[in-house]
Amino acid sequence: MAEAAAHKSLDFAEQVTRVLRAMEESQKFVAEQKKLMAEAAKLERDRALALWQVALAGMAAGAAFFGAGAAFVKLLGP
C-alpha cells in the first residue's frame, strides 16, 4: 500500500514539474514574441520615416544646387 502511495506522489510531482516546465516555456515564448513585436514596430517606424528622410535630403540637395547655381551666375555674371 505504501508503494502505491509513493507511486502516486511521484506521478503528482512529475505532473507538477511538467506543468512548471510548460509555464516556463510559455513565458519564454511570450518574451520572445514581445521582443519580435518591438523590433517589428521599430522597423515599421523606420519605414514610415524613410519617406520623410528622402524628402528632406532632396530638399537639402535642391537648396545646395540652387546656391551653387546662384554663386556660379554671380561669379560669371556682370
N, C-alpha and C. Protein backbone atom coordinates (compact mmCIF):
# COMPACT_ATOMS: atom_id res chain seq x y z
N MET A 1 0.82 -1.18 0.00
CA MET A 1 0.00 0.00 0.00
C MET A 1 0.87 1.26 0.00
N ALA A 2 1.96 1.22 0.75
CA ALA A 2 2.87 2.37 0.81
C ALA A 2 3.51 2.60 -0.55
N GLU A 3 3.72 1.49 -1.26
CA GLU A 3 4.32 1.60 -2.59
C GLU A 3 3.38 2.33 -3.55
N ALA A 4 2.10 2.09 -3.47
CA ALA A 4 1.12 2.75 -4.33
C ALA A 4 1.04 4.24 -4.01
N ALA A 5 1.10 4.59 -2.72
CA ALA A 5 1.06 5.99 -2.33
C ALA A 5 2.32 6.72 -2.82
N ALA A 6 3.46 6.05 -2.72
CA ALA A 6 4.70 6.66 -3.20
C ALA A 6 4.65 6.84 -4.71
N HIS A 7 4.04 5.86 -5.40
CA HIS A 7 3.92 5.93 -6.86
C HIS A 7 3.03 7.10 -7.27
N LYS A 8 1.93 7.30 -6.52
CA LYS A 8 1.01 8.41 -6.82
C LYS A 8 1.70 9.75 -6.56
N SER A 9 2.48 9.83 -5.48
CA SER A 9 3.15 11.09 -5.18
C SER A 9 4.21 11.39 -6.24
N LEU A 10 4.86 10.36 -6.76
CA LEU A 10 5.83 10.56 -7.83
C LEU A 10 5.12 11.04 -9.10
N ASP A 11 3.96 10.47 -9.40
CA ASP A 11 3.20 10.91 -10.56
C ASP A 11 2.77 12.36 -10.39
N PHE A 12 2.35 12.72 -9.19
CA PHE A 12 1.93 14.09 -8.93
C PHE A 12 3.11 15.05 -9.07
N ALA A 13 4.25 14.68 -8.51
CA ALA A 13 5.45 15.53 -8.61
C ALA A 13 5.87 15.67 -10.06
N GLU A 14 5.77 14.60 -10.82
CA GLU A 14 6.12 14.65 -12.24
C GLU A 14 5.17 15.57 -13.00
N GLN A 15 3.90 15.50 -12.68
CA GLN A 15 2.93 16.37 -13.34
C GLN A 15 3.18 17.84 -12.99
N VAL A 16 3.48 18.10 -11.72
CA VAL A 16 3.77 19.47 -11.30
C VAL A 16 5.01 19.98 -12.03
N THR A 17 6.03 19.15 -12.11
CA THR A 17 7.25 19.53 -12.81
C THR A 17 6.96 19.81 -14.27
N ARG A 18 6.16 18.97 -14.88
CA ARG A 18 5.80 19.14 -16.29
C ARG A 18 5.03 20.44 -16.51
N VAL A 19 4.11 20.75 -15.60
CA VAL A 19 3.32 21.98 -15.72
C VAL A 19 4.22 23.20 -15.53
N LEU A 20 5.12 23.14 -14.54
CA LEU A 20 6.03 24.26 -14.31
C LEU A 20 6.95 24.48 -15.51
N ARG A 21 7.42 23.39 -16.10
CA ARG A 21 8.27 23.49 -17.28
C ARG A 21 7.50 24.10 -18.45
N ALA A 22 6.25 23.68 -18.61
CA ALA A 22 5.41 24.22 -19.69
C ALA A 22 5.16 25.71 -19.48
N MET A 23 4.93 26.10 -18.23
CA MET A 23 4.71 27.53 -17.94
C MET A 23 5.96 28.34 -18.22
N GLU A 24 7.13 27.79 -17.87
CA GLU A 24 8.40 28.48 -18.13
C GLU A 24 8.62 28.64 -19.63
N GLU A 25 8.35 27.59 -20.38
CA GLU A 25 8.49 27.67 -21.84
C GLU A 25 7.51 28.69 -22.43
N SER A 26 6.30 28.74 -21.89
CA SER A 26 5.32 29.72 -22.36
C SER A 26 5.80 31.13 -22.08
N GLN A 27 6.37 31.35 -20.91
CA GLN A 27 6.86 32.68 -20.57
C GLN A 27 8.03 33.08 -21.47
N LYS A 28 8.89 32.13 -21.79
CA LYS A 28 10.00 32.41 -22.72
C LYS A 28 9.45 32.76 -24.10
N PHE A 29 8.43 32.02 -24.53
CA PHE A 29 7.83 32.27 -25.84
C PHE A 29 7.18 33.66 -25.87
N VAL A 30 6.48 34.03 -24.81
CA VAL A 30 5.83 35.34 -24.75
C VAL A 30 6.90 36.44 -24.76
N ALA A 31 7.97 36.26 -24.02
CA ALA A 31 9.05 37.25 -24.00
C ALA A 31 9.67 37.40 -25.38
N GLU A 32 9.88 36.28 -26.06
CA GLU A 32 10.45 36.32 -27.40
C GLU A 32 9.50 37.02 -28.37
N GLN A 33 8.20 36.75 -28.24
CA GLN A 33 7.22 37.39 -29.11
C GLN A 33 7.18 38.89 -28.87
N LYS A 34 7.26 39.31 -27.60
CA LYS A 34 7.29 40.74 -27.29
C LYS A 34 8.52 41.40 -27.90
N LYS A 35 9.64 40.72 -27.82
CA LYS A 35 10.88 41.25 -28.40
C LYS A 35 10.73 41.39 -29.91
N LEU A 36 10.18 40.38 -30.56
CA LEU A 36 10.00 40.44 -32.01
C LEU A 36 8.99 41.51 -32.40
N MET A 37 7.94 41.68 -31.60
CA MET A 37 6.94 42.71 -31.90
C MET A 37 7.55 44.11 -31.75
N ALA A 38 8.40 44.29 -30.76
CA ALA A 38 9.06 45.58 -30.58
C ALA A 38 9.98 45.87 -31.75
N GLU A 39 10.69 44.84 -32.20
CA GLU A 39 11.58 45.00 -33.36
C GLU A 39 10.78 45.31 -34.62
N ALA A 40 9.64 44.66 -34.79
CA ALA A 40 8.78 44.93 -35.95
C ALA A 40 8.23 46.34 -35.89
N ALA A 41 7.87 46.81 -34.71
CA ALA A 41 7.37 48.18 -34.57
C ALA A 41 8.45 49.19 -34.91
N LYS A 42 9.69 48.90 -34.49
CA LYS A 42 10.80 49.79 -34.81
C LYS A 42 11.04 49.83 -36.31
N LEU A 43 10.99 48.68 -36.96
CA LEU A 43 11.17 48.65 -38.41
C LEU A 43 10.04 49.38 -39.12
N GLU A 44 8.83 49.27 -38.61
CA GLU A 44 7.69 49.98 -39.21
C GLU A 44 7.87 51.49 -39.06
N ARG A 45 8.34 51.93 -37.89
CA ARG A 45 8.62 53.35 -37.68
C ARG A 45 9.70 53.84 -38.64
N ASP A 46 10.77 53.04 -38.76
CA ASP A 46 11.86 53.43 -39.66
C ASP A 46 11.37 53.51 -41.10
N ARG A 47 10.51 52.57 -41.49
CA ARG A 47 9.98 52.58 -42.85
C ARG A 47 9.10 53.79 -43.08
N ALA A 48 8.32 54.16 -42.09
CA ALA A 48 7.44 55.32 -42.22
C ALA A 48 8.26 56.62 -42.28
N LEU A 49 9.35 56.68 -41.53
CA LEU A 49 10.18 57.89 -41.51
C LEU A 49 11.12 57.98 -42.70
N ALA A 50 11.32 56.87 -43.41
CA ALA A 50 12.24 56.87 -44.55
C ALA A 50 11.77 57.83 -45.63
N LEU A 51 10.47 57.92 -45.86
CA LEU A 51 9.94 58.83 -46.87
C LEU A 51 10.28 60.27 -46.52
N TRP A 52 10.11 60.64 -45.25
CA TRP A 52 10.45 62.00 -44.83
C TRP A 52 11.94 62.25 -44.93
N GLN A 53 12.73 61.25 -44.65
CA GLN A 53 14.17 61.38 -44.72
C GLN A 53 14.60 61.63 -46.17
N VAL A 54 14.00 60.91 -47.11
CA VAL A 54 14.31 61.10 -48.53
C VAL A 54 13.85 62.49 -48.98
N ALA A 55 12.67 62.91 -48.53
CA ALA A 55 12.14 64.22 -48.92
C ALA A 55 13.04 65.34 -48.41
N LEU A 56 13.45 65.26 -47.16
CA LEU A 56 14.31 66.31 -46.60
C LEU A 56 15.69 66.31 -47.25
N ALA A 57 16.22 65.13 -47.55
CA ALA A 57 17.51 65.06 -48.23
C ALA A 57 17.39 65.67 -49.63
N GLY A 58 16.29 65.42 -50.31
CA GLY A 58 16.08 66.01 -51.64
C GLY A 58 15.97 67.52 -51.58
N MET A 59 15.27 68.01 -50.56
CA MET A 59 15.16 69.47 -50.42
C MET A 59 16.51 70.09 -50.10
N ALA A 60 17.30 69.44 -49.28
CA ALA A 60 18.63 69.95 -48.96
C ALA A 60 19.52 69.94 -50.20
N ALA A 61 19.44 68.89 -50.99
CA ALA A 61 20.22 68.83 -52.22
C ALA A 61 19.77 69.91 -53.19
N GLY A 62 18.47 70.13 -53.28
CA GLY A 62 17.95 71.19 -54.15
C GLY A 62 18.45 72.56 -53.71
N ALA A 63 18.44 72.80 -52.40
CA ALA A 63 18.94 74.08 -51.90
C ALA A 63 20.43 74.24 -52.19
N ALA A 64 21.19 73.16 -52.07
CA ALA A 64 22.62 73.23 -52.36
C ALA A 64 22.85 73.52 -53.85
N PHE A 65 22.11 72.85 -54.72
CA PHE A 65 22.24 73.12 -56.15
C PHE A 65 21.83 74.55 -56.50
N PHE A 66 20.77 75.04 -55.87
CA PHE A 66 20.32 76.41 -56.10
C PHE A 66 21.40 77.39 -55.67
N GLY A 67 21.98 77.16 -54.50
CA GLY A 67 23.05 78.03 -54.01
C GLY A 67 24.27 77.98 -54.91
N ALA A 68 24.63 76.79 -55.38
CA ALA A 68 25.77 76.66 -56.28
C ALA A 68 25.49 77.38 -57.59
N GLY A 69 24.27 77.26 -58.09
CA GLY A 69 23.90 77.94 -59.33
C GLY A 69 23.95 79.44 -59.16
N ALA A 70 23.43 79.94 -58.04
CA ALA A 70 23.46 81.38 -57.79
C ALA A 70 24.89 81.87 -57.68
N ALA A 71 25.76 81.13 -57.04
CA ALA A 71 27.16 81.51 -56.91
C ALA A 71 27.84 81.51 -58.28
N PHE A 72 27.51 80.53 -59.11
CA PHE A 72 28.09 80.43 -60.44
C PHE A 72 27.65 81.62 -61.30
N VAL A 73 26.35 81.96 -61.24
CA VAL A 73 25.85 83.10 -62.01
C VAL A 73 26.49 84.40 -61.52
N LYS A 74 26.64 84.53 -60.21
CA LYS A 74 27.24 85.73 -59.66
C LYS A 74 28.72 85.83 -60.06
N LEU A 75 29.39 84.69 -60.11
CA LEU A 75 30.79 84.66 -60.48
C LEU A 75 30.99 85.04 -61.93
N LEU A 76 30.15 84.52 -62.83
CA LEU A 76 30.30 84.77 -64.26
C LEU A 76 29.49 85.94 -64.77
N GLY A 77 28.53 86.37 -63.99
CA GLY A 77 27.62 87.44 -64.44
C GLY A 77 28.27 88.81 -64.40
N PRO A 78 27.52 89.81 -64.89
CA PRO A 78 28.06 91.17 -64.94
C PRO A 78 28.25 91.84 -63.60
